[in-house]
Amino acid sequence: MAKNEYSEYQKAVISGYYSNLDTIMLQKLSELVSELYLTDSQADSTSSPQAKKDRLWQRVHKAMINIRVPPAIIDHIMQKKDVVILAKNLQDWLSYKRKK
C-alpha cells in the first residue's frame, strides 16, 4: 500500500478542521437542539416521532463526547433527555468558547 502524501494545501485544510473541531461540534449541537424542538412540536409522517428523537439524542451524545463534555454532565443530559437542559448547557458552552 502506498503512503498517503498530502499537499501543503491539504495539510492546511486538515489542520484547520481539527483546530476548529470544537466550534464545528458546537454548531452541530445547536442544529440538533433546533431539530429536537421541531420534533417535539410536530409529528413526522414518515417515521415515528420517538424513533427520530432517539436518533437525534444519539447524535447529541456523540457530539458531546467529541467536544469533551465531562461524563457526569453527559450522563445527566442523556438521562433527562430534556431539550431545555441541553439548550441551557449549550448556551454556557458557546459563551465559554467565545471567551477563549
PDB file of N, CA and C in Angstrom:
ATOM      1  N   MET A   1       0.830  -1.184   0.000  1.00  0.00           N
ATOM      2  CA  MET A   1       0.000   0.000   0.000  1.00  0.00           C
ATOM      3  C   MET A   1       0.872   1.243   0.000  1.00  0.00           C
ATOM      4  N   ALA A   2       0.433   2.219  -0.751  1.00  0.00           N
ATOM      5  CA  ALA A   2       1.165   3.481  -0.822  1.00  0.00           C
ATOM      6  C   ALA A   2       0.778   4.367   0.361  1.00  0.00           C
ATOM      7  N   LYS A   3       1.758   5.081   0.851  1.00  0.00           N
ATOM      8  CA  LYS A   3       1.513   6.002   1.959  1.00  0.00           C
ATOM      9  C   LYS A   3       0.856   7.268   1.410  1.00  0.00           C
ATOM     10  N   ASN A   4      -0.173   7.768   2.112  1.00  0.00           N
ATOM     11  CA  ASN A   4      -0.851   8.979   1.665  1.00  0.00           C
ATOM     12  C   ASN A   4       0.061  10.181   1.839  1.00  0.00           C
ATOM     13  N   GLU A   5       0.284  10.884   0.766  1.00  0.00           N
ATOM     14  CA  GLU A   5       1.048  12.122   0.798  1.00  0.00           C
ATOM     15  C   GLU A   5       0.078  13.258   0.523  1.00  0.00           C
ATOM     16  N   TYR A   6       0.048  14.233   1.402  1.00  0.00           N
ATOM     17  CA  TYR A   6      -0.860  15.362   1.245  1.00  0.00           C
ATOM     18  C   TYR A   6      -0.075  16.588   0.801  1.00  0.00           C
ATOM     19  N   SER A   7      -0.728  17.400  -0.046  1.00  0.00           N
ATOM     20  CA  SER A   7      -0.100  18.657  -0.456  1.00  0.00           C
ATOM     21  C   SER A   7      -0.133  19.618   0.738  1.00  0.00           C
ATOM     22  N   GLU A   8       0.592  20.701   0.634  1.00  0.00           N
ATOM     23  CA  GLU A   8       0.602  21.691   1.722  1.00  0.00           C
ATOM     24  C   GLU A   8      -0.794  22.262   1.938  1.00  0.00           C
ATOM     25  N   TYR A   9      -1.522  22.487   0.848  1.00  0.00           N
ATOM     26  CA  TYR A   9      -2.887  22.995   0.960  1.00  0.00           C
ATOM     27  C   TYR A   9      -3.774  21.997   1.711  1.00  0.00           C
ATOM     28  N   GLN A  10      -3.691  20.721   1.344  1.00  0.00           N
ATOM     29  CA  GLN A  10      -4.487  19.699   2.014  1.00  0.00           C
ATOM     30  C   GLN A  10      -4.129  19.609   3.487  1.00  0.00           C
ATOM     31  N   LYS A  11      -2.852  19.703   3.799  1.00  0.00           N
ATOM     32  CA  LYS A  11      -2.423  19.687   5.201  1.00  0.00           C
ATOM     33  C   LYS A  11      -3.009  20.869   5.962  1.00  0.00           C
ATOM     34  N   ALA A  12      -3.042  22.044   5.328  1.00  0.00           N
ATOM     35  CA  ALA A  12      -3.602  23.235   5.978  1.00  0.00           C
ATOM     36  C   ALA A  12      -5.103  23.070   6.217  1.00  0.00           C
ATOM     37  N   VAL A  13      -5.811  22.482   5.243  1.00  0.00           N
ATOM     38  CA  VAL A  13      -7.253  22.259   5.393  1.00  0.00           C
ATOM     39  C   VAL A  13      -7.517  21.273   6.525  1.00  0.00           C
ATOM     40  N   ILE A  14      -6.773  20.190   6.563  1.00  0.00           N
ATOM     41  CA  ILE A  14      -6.937  19.179   7.617  1.00  0.00           C
ATOM     42  C   ILE A  14      -6.623  19.786   8.982  1.00  0.00           C
ATOM     43  N   SER A  15      -5.549  20.534   9.063  1.00  0.00           N
ATOM     44  CA  SER A  15      -5.164  21.175  10.320  1.00  0.00           C
ATOM     45  C   SER A  15      -6.239  22.166  10.773  1.00  0.00           C
ATOM     46  N   GLY A  16      -6.765  22.950   9.826  1.00  0.00           N
ATOM     47  CA  GLY A  16      -7.822  23.907  10.151  1.00  0.00           C
ATOM     48  C   GLY A  16      -9.072  23.228  10.667  1.00  0.00           C
ATOM     49  N   TYR A  17      -9.413  22.091  10.064  1.00  0.00           N
ATOM     50  CA  TYR A  17     -10.592  21.346  10.510  1.00  0.00           C
ATOM     51  C   TYR A  17     -10.427  20.918  11.965  1.00  0.00           C
ATOM     52  N   TYR A  18      -9.287  20.310  12.273  1.00  0.00           N
ATOM     53  CA  TYR A  18      -9.099  19.805  13.631  1.00  0.00           C
ATOM     54  C   TYR A  18      -8.912  20.916  14.648  1.00  0.00           C
ATOM     55  N   SER A  19      -8.376  22.049  14.242  1.00  0.00           N
ATOM     56  CA  SER A  19      -8.228  23.147  15.195  1.00  0.00           C
ATOM     57  C   SER A  19      -9.573  23.811  15.476  1.00  0.00           C
ATOM     58  N   ASN A  20     -10.543  23.644  14.574  1.00  0.00           N
ATOM     59  CA  ASN A  20     -11.876  24.219  14.770  1.00  0.00           C
ATOM     60  C   ASN A  20     -12.933  23.171  15.087  1.00  0.00           C
ATOM     61  N   LEU A  21     -12.519  21.980  15.452  1.00  0.00           N
ATOM     62  CA  LEU A  21     -13.461  20.892  15.689  1.00  0.00           C
ATOM     63  C   LEU A  21     -14.461  21.224  16.792  1.00  0.00           C
ATOM     64  N   ASP A  22     -14.017  21.869  17.869  1.00  0.00           N
ATOM     65  CA  ASP A  22     -14.937  22.239  18.950  1.00  0.00           C
ATOM     66  C   ASP A  22     -16.036  23.169  18.435  1.00  0.00           C
ATOM     67  N   THR A  23     -15.652  24.147  17.646  1.00  0.00           N
ATOM     68  CA  THR A  23     -16.632  25.086  17.089  1.00  0.00           C
ATOM     69  C   THR A  23     -17.597  24.369  16.163  1.00  0.00           C
ATOM     70  N   ILE A  24     -17.090  23.450  15.346  1.00  0.00           N
ATOM     71  CA  ILE A  24     -17.930  22.687  14.431  1.00  0.00           C
ATOM     72  C   ILE A  24     -18.930  21.839  15.217  1.00  0.00           C
ATOM     73  N   MET A  25     -18.467  21.181  16.268  1.00  0.00           N
ATOM     74  CA  MET A  25     -19.355  20.328  17.073  1.00  0.00           C
ATOM     75  C   MET A  25     -20.393  21.166  17.820  1.00  0.00           C
ATOM     76  N   LEU A  26     -20.004  22.347  18.300  1.00  0.00           N
ATOM     77  CA  LEU A  26     -20.980  23.221  18.968  1.00  0.00           C
ATOM     78  C   LEU A  26     -22.054  23.666  17.982  1.00  0.00           C
ATOM     79  N   GLN A  27     -21.669  23.935  16.755  1.00  0.00           N
ATOM     80  CA  GLN A  27     -22.647  24.310  15.726  1.00  0.00           C
ATOM     81  C   GLN A  27     -23.582  23.136  15.445  1.00  0.00           C
ATOM     82  N   LYS A  28     -23.025  21.924  15.364  1.00  0.00           N
ATOM     83  CA  LYS A  28     -23.872  20.745  15.146  1.00  0.00           C
ATOM     84  C   LYS A  28     -24.845  20.553  16.307  1.00  0.00           C
ATOM     85  N   LEU A  29     -24.367  20.775  17.524  1.00  0.00           N
ATOM     86  CA  LEU A  29     -25.257  20.661  18.680  1.00  0.00           C
ATOM     87  C   LEU A  29     -26.379  21.691  18.600  1.00  0.00           C
ATOM     88  N   SER A  30     -26.064  22.897  18.159  1.00  0.00           N
ATOM     89  CA  SER A  30     -27.096  23.925  18.002  1.00  0.00           C
ATOM     90  C   SER A  30     -28.159  23.472  17.013  1.00  0.00           C
ATOM     91  N   GLU A  31     -27.720  22.891  15.919  1.00  0.00           N
ATOM     92  CA  GLU A  31     -28.663  22.385  14.920  1.00  0.00           C
ATOM     93  C   GLU A  31     -29.501  21.237  15.477  1.00  0.00           C
ATOM     94  N   LEU A  32     -28.876  20.380  16.279  1.00  0.00           N
ATOM     95  CA  LEU A  32     -29.607  19.262  16.872  1.00  0.00           C
ATOM     96  C   LEU A  32     -30.654  19.752  17.868  1.00  0.00           C
ATOM     97  N   VAL A  33     -30.333  20.797  18.627  1.00  0.00           N
ATOM     98  CA  VAL A  33     -31.311  21.374  19.556  1.00  0.00           C
ATOM     99  C   VAL A  33     -32.525  21.860  18.770  1.00  0.00           C
ATOM    100  N   SER A  34     -32.275  22.543  17.657  1.00  0.00           N
ATOM    101  CA  SER A  34     -33.381  23.023  16.819  1.00  0.00           C
ATOM    102  C   SER A  34     -34.224  21.860  16.304  1.00  0.00           C
ATOM    103  N   GLU A  35     -33.553  20.820  15.831  1.00  0.00           N
ATOM    104  CA  GLU A  35     -34.285  19.650  15.326  1.00  0.00           C
ATOM    105  C   GLU A  35     -35.108  18.988  16.416  1.00  0.00           C
ATOM    106  N   LEU A  36     -34.552  18.901  17.619  1.00  0.00           N
ATOM    107  CA  LEU A  36     -35.293  18.292  18.730  1.00  0.00           C
ATOM    108  C   LEU A  36     -36.522  19.123  19.089  1.00  0.00           C
ATOM    109  N   TYR A  37     -36.378  20.458  19.104  1.00  0.00           N
ATOM    110  CA  TYR A  37     -37.540  21.309  19.361  1.00  0.00           C
ATOM    111  C   TYR A  37     -38.611  21.090  18.301  1.00  0.00           C
ATOM    112  N   LEU A  38     -38.198  21.014  17.039  1.00  0.00           N
ATOM    113  CA  LEU A  38     -39.168  20.803  15.961  1.00  0.00           C
ATOM    114  C   LEU A  38     -39.831  19.434  16.065  1.00  0.00           C
ATOM    115  N   THR A  39     -39.065  18.429  16.431  1.00  0.00           N
ATOM    116  CA  THR A  39     -39.619  17.082  16.571  1.00  0.00           C
ATOM    117  C   THR A  39     -40.652  17.043  17.687  1.00  0.00           C
ATOM    118  N   ASP A  40     -40.388  17.798  18.768  1.00  0.00           N
ATOM    119  CA  ASP A  40     -41.356  17.861  19.867  1.00  0.00           C
ATOM    120  C   ASP A  40     -42.648  18.563  19.448  1.00  0.00           C
ATOM    121  N   SER A  41     -42.524  19.563  18.559  1.00  0.00           N
ATOM    122  CA  SER A  41     -43.689  20.373  18.231  1.00  0.00           C
ATOM    123  C   SER A  41     -44.523  19.832  17.074  1.00  0.00           C
ATOM    124  N   GLN A  42     -43.955  18.943  16.263  1.00  0.00           N
ATOM    125  CA  GLN A  42     -44.716  18.415  15.131  1.00  0.00           C
ATOM    126  C   GLN A  42     -44.445  16.937  14.929  1.00  0.00           C
ATOM    127  N   ALA A  43     -45.449  16.224  14.450  1.00  0.00           N
ATOM    128  CA  ALA A  43     -45.307  14.791  14.202  1.00  0.00           C
ATOM    129  C   ALA A  43     -44.750  14.590  12.800  1.00  0.00           C
ATOM    130  N   ASP A  44     -43.863  13.628  12.665  1.00  0.00           N
ATOM    131  CA  ASP A  44     -43.276  13.285  11.376  1.00  0.00           C
ATOM    132  C   ASP A  44     -44.077  12.142  10.761  1.00  0.00           C
ATOM    133  N   SER A  45     -44.499  12.291   9.516  1.00  0.00           N
ATOM    134  CA  SER A  45     -45.356  11.281   8.901  1.00  0.00           C
ATOM    135  C   SER A  45     -44.579  10.074   8.374  1.00  0.00           C
ATOM    136  N   THR A  46     -43.263  10.207   8.140  1.00  0.00           N
ATOM    137  CA  THR A  46     -42.506   9.099   7.560  1.00  0.00           C
ATOM    138  C   THR A  46     -42.045   8.082   8.599  1.00  0.00           C
ATOM    139  N   SER A  47     -41.780   8.511   9.790  1.00  0.00           N
ATOM    140  CA  SER A  47     -41.377   7.581  10.846  1.00  0.00           C
ATOM    141  C   SER A  47     -41.944   8.070  12.164  1.00  0.00           C
ATOM    142  N   SER A  48     -41.900   7.222  13.149  1.00  0.00           N
ATOM    143  CA  SER A  48     -42.468   7.624  14.428  1.00  0.00           C
ATOM    144  C   SER A  48     -41.630   8.735  15.044  1.00  0.00           C
ATOM    145  N   PRO A  49     -42.264   9.726  15.644  1.00  0.00           N
ATOM    146  CA  PRO A  49     -41.522  10.828  16.257  1.00  0.00           C
ATOM    147  C   PRO A  49     -40.527  10.351  17.322  1.00  0.00           C
ATOM    148  N   GLN A  50     -40.875   9.305  18.036  1.00  0.00           N
ATOM    149  CA  GLN A  50     -39.977   8.811  19.074  1.00  0.00           C
ATOM    150  C   GLN A  50     -38.701   8.233  18.481  1.00  0.00           C
ATOM    151  N   ALA A  51     -38.812   7.536  17.390  1.00  0.00           N
ATOM    152  CA  ALA A  51     -37.626   6.972  16.736  1.00  0.00           C
ATOM    153  C   ALA A  51     -36.707   8.087  16.243  1.00  0.00           C
ATOM    154  N   LYS A  52     -37.293   9.125  15.698  1.00  0.00           N
ATOM    155  CA  LYS A  52     -36.489  10.265  15.231  1.00  0.00           C
ATOM    156  C   LYS A  52     -35.807  10.949  16.411  1.00  0.00           C
ATOM    157  N   LYS A  53     -36.547  11.129  17.508  1.00  0.00           N
ATOM    158  CA  LYS A  53     -35.949  11.753  18.691  1.00  0.00           C
ATOM    159  C   LYS A  53     -34.802  10.911  19.230  1.00  0.00           C
ATOM    160  N   ASP A  54     -34.960   9.604  19.224  1.00  0.00           N
ATOM    161  CA  ASP A  54     -33.894   8.717  19.703  1.00  0.00           C
ATOM    162  C   ASP A  54     -32.630   8.869  18.853  1.00  0.00           C
ATOM    163  N   ARG A  55     -32.809   8.938  17.538  1.00  0.00           N
ATOM    164  CA  ARG A  55     -31.648   9.122  16.652  1.00  0.00           C
ATOM    165  C   ARG A  55     -30.976  10.470  16.906  1.00  0.00           C
ATOM    166  N   LEU A  56     -31.784  11.512  17.110  1.00  0.00           N
ATOM    167  CA  LEU A  56     -31.218  12.837  17.381  1.00  0.00           C
ATOM    168  C   LEU A  56     -30.448  12.847  18.696  1.00  0.00           C
ATOM    169  N   TRP A  57     -31.001  12.187  19.714  1.00  0.00           N
ATOM    170  CA  TRP A  57     -30.310  12.136  21.007  1.00  0.00           C
ATOM    171  C   TRP A  57     -29.007  11.346  20.911  1.00  0.00           C
ATOM    172  N   GLN A  58     -28.961  10.318  20.065  1.00  0.00           N
ATOM    173  CA  GLN A  58     -27.701   9.587  19.855  1.00  0.00           C
ATOM    174  C   GLN A  58     -26.652  10.499  19.234  1.00  0.00           C
ATOM    175  N   ARG A  59     -27.074  11.335  18.288  1.00  0.00           N
ATOM    176  CA  ARG A  59     -26.146  12.285  17.662  1.00  0.00           C
ATOM    177  C   ARG A  59     -25.686  13.336  18.667  1.00  0.00           C
ATOM    178  N   VAL A  60     -26.590  13.771  19.551  1.00  0.00           N
ATOM    179  CA  VAL A  60     -26.224  14.720  20.607  1.00  0.00           C
ATOM    180  C   VAL A  60     -25.151  14.099  21.497  1.00  0.00           C
ATOM    181  N   HIS A  61     -25.344  12.848  21.866  1.00  0.00           N
ATOM    182  CA  HIS A  61     -24.392  12.146  22.724  1.00  0.00           C
ATOM    183  C   HIS A  61     -23.008  12.108  22.085  1.00  0.00           C
ATOM    184  N   LYS A  62     -22.938  11.739  20.813  1.00  0.00           N
ATOM    185  CA  LYS A  62     -21.650  11.677  20.113  1.00  0.00           C
ATOM    186  C   LYS A  62     -20.993  13.047  20.036  1.00  0.00           C
ATOM    187  N   ALA A  63     -21.789  14.072  19.773  1.00  0.00           N
ATOM    188  CA  ALA A  63     -21.232  15.427  19.667  1.00  0.00           C
ATOM    189  C   ALA A  63     -20.670  15.891  21.011  1.00  0.00           C
ATOM    190  N   MET A  64     -21.374  15.577  22.104  1.00  0.00           N
ATOM    191  CA  MET A  64     -20.877  15.978  23.427  1.00  0.00           C
ATOM    192  C   MET A  64     -19.564  15.272  23.752  1.00  0.00           C
ATOM    193  N   ILE A  65     -19.455  14.023  23.358  1.00  0.00           N
ATOM    194  CA  ILE A  65     -18.204  13.284  23.569  1.00  0.00           C
ATOM    195  C   ILE A  65     -17.085  13.939  22.768  1.00  0.00           C
ATOM    196  N   ASN A  66     -17.375  14.316  21.526  1.00  0.00           N
ATOM    197  CA  ASN A  66     -16.361  14.925  20.663  1.00  0.00           C
ATOM    198  C   ASN A  66     -15.851  16.259  21.187  1.00  0.00           C
ATOM    199  N   ILE A  67     -16.688  17.011  21.891  1.00  0.00           N
ATOM    200  CA  ILE A  67     -16.215  18.292  22.439  1.00  0.00           C
ATOM    201  C   ILE A  67     -15.742  18.152  23.886  1.00  0.00           C
ATOM    202  N   ARG A  68     -15.625  16.915  24.323  1.00  0.00           N
ATOM    203  CA  ARG A  68     -15.062  16.587  25.628  1.00  0.00           C
ATOM    204  C   ARG A  68     -15.851  17.187  26.806  1.00  0.00           C
ATOM    205  N   VAL A  69     -17.167  17.060  26.734  1.00  0.00           N
ATOM    206  CA  VAL A  69     -18.007  17.441  27.869  1.00  0.00           C
ATOM    207  C   VAL A  69     -17.755  16.416  28.971  1.00  0.00           C
ATOM    208  N   PRO A  70     -17.649  16.852  30.219  1.00  0.00           N
ATOM    209  CA  PRO A  70     -17.419  15.894  31.304  1.00  0.00           C
ATOM    210  C   PRO A  70     -18.498  14.805  31.328  1.00  0.00           C
ATOM    211  N   PRO A  71     -18.071  13.559  31.561  1.00  0.00           N
ATOM    212  CA  PRO A  71     -19.027  12.438  31.549  1.00  0.00           C
ATOM    213  C   PRO A  71     -20.226  12.617  32.474  1.00  0.00           C
ATOM    214  N   ALA A  72     -20.045  13.242  33.621  1.00  0.00           N
ATOM    215  CA  ALA A  72     -21.165  13.435  34.545  1.00  0.00           C
ATOM    216  C   ALA A  72     -22.242  14.323  33.921  1.00  0.00           C
ATOM    217  N   ILE A  73     -21.826  15.336  33.194  1.00  0.00           N
ATOM    218  CA  ILE A  73     -22.788  16.230  32.539  1.00  0.00           C
ATOM    219  C   ILE A  73     -23.475  15.504  31.391  1.00  0.00           C
ATOM    220  N   ILE A  74     -22.697  14.741  30.618  1.00  0.00           N
ATOM    221  CA  ILE A  74     -23.285  13.953  29.521  1.00  0.00           C
ATOM    222  C   ILE A  74     -24.331  12.993  30.074  1.00  0.00           C
ATOM    223  N   ASP A  75     -23.984  12.286  31.156  1.00  0.00           N
ATOM    224  CA  ASP A  75     -24.926  11.330  31.748  1.00  0.00           C
ATOM    225  C   ASP A  75     -26.203  12.018  32.210  1.00  0.00           C
ATOM    226  N   HIS A  76     -26.057  13.186  32.849  1.00  0.00           N
ATOM    227  CA  HIS A  76     -27.233  13.916  33.337  1.00  0.00           C
ATOM    228  C   HIS A  76     -28.136  14.324  32.170  1.00  0.00           C
ATOM    229  N   ILE A  77     -27.542  14.890  31.130  1.00  0.00           N
ATOM    230  CA  ILE A  77     -28.330  15.325  29.976  1.00  0.00           C
ATOM    231  C   ILE A  77     -28.996  14.139  29.294  1.00  0.00           C
ATOM    232  N   MET A  78     -28.262  13.043  29.151  1.00  0.00           N
ATOM    233  CA  MET A  78     -28.817  11.882  28.458  1.00  0.00           C
ATOM    234  C   MET A  78     -29.885  11.174  29.295  1.00  0.00           C
ATOM    235  N   GLN A  79     -29.786  11.226  30.612  1.00  0.00           N
ATOM    236  CA  GLN A  79     -30.829  10.629  31.452  1.00  0.00           C
ATOM    237  C   GLN A  79     -32.121  11.437  31.362  1.00  0.00           C
ATOM    238  N   LYS A  80     -31.991  12.759  31.398  1.00  0.00           N
ATOM    239  CA  LYS A  80     -33.176  13.625  31.351  1.00  0.00           C
ATOM    240  C   LYS A  80     -33.763  13.722  29.946  1.00  0.00           C
ATOM    241  N   LYS A  81     -32.886  13.747  28.940  1.00  0.00           N
ATOM    242  CA  LYS A  81     -33.303  13.950  27.548  1.00  0.00           C
ATOM    243  C   LYS A  81     -34.293  15.104  27.441  1.00  0.00           C
ATOM    244  N   ASP A  82     -33.912  16.207  28.067  1.00  0.00           N
ATOM    245  CA  ASP A  82     -34.715  17.421  28.071  1.00  0.00           C
ATOM    246  C   ASP A  82     -34.007  18.450  27.197  1.00  0.00           C
ATOM    247  N   VAL A  83     -34.688  18.903  26.159  1.00  0.00           N
ATOM    248  CA  VAL A  83     -34.086  19.836  25.213  1.00  0.00           C
ATOM    249  C   VAL A  83     -33.739  21.157  25.906  1.00  0.00           C
ATOM    250  N   VAL A  84     -34.517  21.562  26.878  1.00  0.00           N
ATOM    251  CA  VAL A  84     -34.258  22.812  27.587  1.00  0.00           C
ATOM    252  C   VAL A  84     -32.929  22.725  28.351  1.00  0.00           C
ATOM    253  N   ILE A  85     -32.691  21.613  29.008  1.00  0.00           N
ATOM    254  CA  ILE A  85     -31.433  21.426  29.735  1.00  0.00           C
ATOM    255  C   ILE A  85     -30.262  21.434  28.756  1.00  0.00           C
ATOM    256  N   LEU A  86     -30.414  20.737  27.642  1.00  0.00           N
ATOM    257  CA  LEU A  86     -29.362  20.717  26.630  1.00  0.00           C
ATOM    258  C   LEU A  86     -29.105  22.120  26.096  1.00  0.00           C
ATOM    259  N   ALA A  87     -30.167  22.863  25.800  1.00  0.00           N
ATOM    260  CA  ALA A  87     -30.018  24.215  25.249  1.00  0.00           C
ATOM    261  C   ALA A  87     -29.320  25.152  26.241  1.00  0.00           C
ATOM    262  N   LYS A  88     -29.658  25.039  27.526  1.00  0.00           N
ATOM    263  CA  LYS A  88     -29.000  25.896  28.531  1.00  0.00           C
ATOM    264  C   LYS A  88     -27.520  25.559  28.642  1.00  0.00           C
ATOM    265  N   ASN A  89     -27.195  24.278  28.638  1.00  0.00           N
ATOM    266  CA  ASN A  89     -25.785  23.880  28.678  1.00  0.00           C
ATOM    267  C   ASN A  89     -25.056  24.341  27.424  1.00  0.00           C
ATOM    268  N   LEU A  90     -25.680  24.193  26.283  1.00  0.00           N
ATOM    269  CA  LEU A  90     -25.076  24.622  25.028  1.00  0.00           C
ATOM    270  C   LEU A  90     -24.801  26.119  25.047  1.00  0.00           C
ATOM    271  N   GLN A  91     -25.721  26.870  25.592  1.00  0.00           N
ATOM    272  CA  GLN A  91     -25.526  28.317  25.703  1.00  0.00           C
ATOM    273  C   GLN A  91     -24.296  28.628  26.565  1.00  0.00           C
ATOM    274  N   ASP A  92     -24.126  27.900  27.658  1.00  0.00           N
ATOM    275  CA  ASP A  92     -22.946  28.073  28.515  1.00  0.00           C
ATOM    276  C   ASP A  92     -21.666  27.700  27.764  1.00  0.00           C
ATOM    277  N   TRP A  93     -21.699  26.597  27.018  1.00  0.00           N
ATOM    278  CA  TRP A  93     -20.509  26.155  26.282  1.00  0.00           C
ATOM    279  C   TRP A  93     -20.141  27.158  25.194  1.00  0.00           C
ATOM    280  N   LEU A  94     -21.159  27.711  24.525  1.00  0.00           N
ATOM    281  CA  LEU A  94     -20.896  28.703  23.483  1.00  0.00           C
ATOM    282  C   LEU A  94     -20.305  29.985  24.070  1.00  0.00           C
ATOM    283  N   SER A  95     -20.820  30.414  25.215  1.00  0.00           N
ATOM    284  CA  SER A  95     -20.275  31.630  25.828  1.00  0.00           C
ATOM    285  C   SER A  95     -18.853  31.392  26.327  1.00  0.00           C
ATOM    286  N   TYR A  96     -18.578  30.194  26.824  1.00  0.00           N
ATOM    287  CA  TYR A  96     -17.219  29.858  27.257  1.00  0.00           C
ATOM    288  C   TYR A  96     -16.265  29.854  26.068  1.00  0.00           C
ATOM    289  N   LYS A  97     -16.728  29.306  24.944  1.00  0.00           N
ATOM    290  CA  LYS A  97     -15.904  29.230  23.735  1.00  0.00           C
ATOM    291  C   LYS A  97     -15.585  30.632  23.224  1.00  0.00           C
ATOM    292  N   ARG A  98     -16.542  31.543  23.300  1.00  0.00           N
ATOM    293  CA  ARG A  98     -16.329  32.922  22.829  1.00  0.00           C
ATOM    294  C   ARG A  98     -15.308  33.650  23.702  1.00  0.00           C
ATOM    295  N   LYS A  99     -15.293  33.317  25.000  1.00  0.00           N
ATOM    296  CA  LYS A  99     -14.346  33.978  25.919  1.00  0.00           C
ATOM    297  C   LYS A  99     -12.912  33.531  25.688  1.00  0.00           C
ATOM    298  N   LYS A 100     -12.742  32.316  25.163  1.00  0.00           N
ATOM    299  CA  LYS A 100     -11.395  31.770  24.940  1.00  0.00           C
ATOM    300  C   LYS A 100     -10.622  32.548  23.974  1.00  0.00           C
TER     301      LYS A 100
END
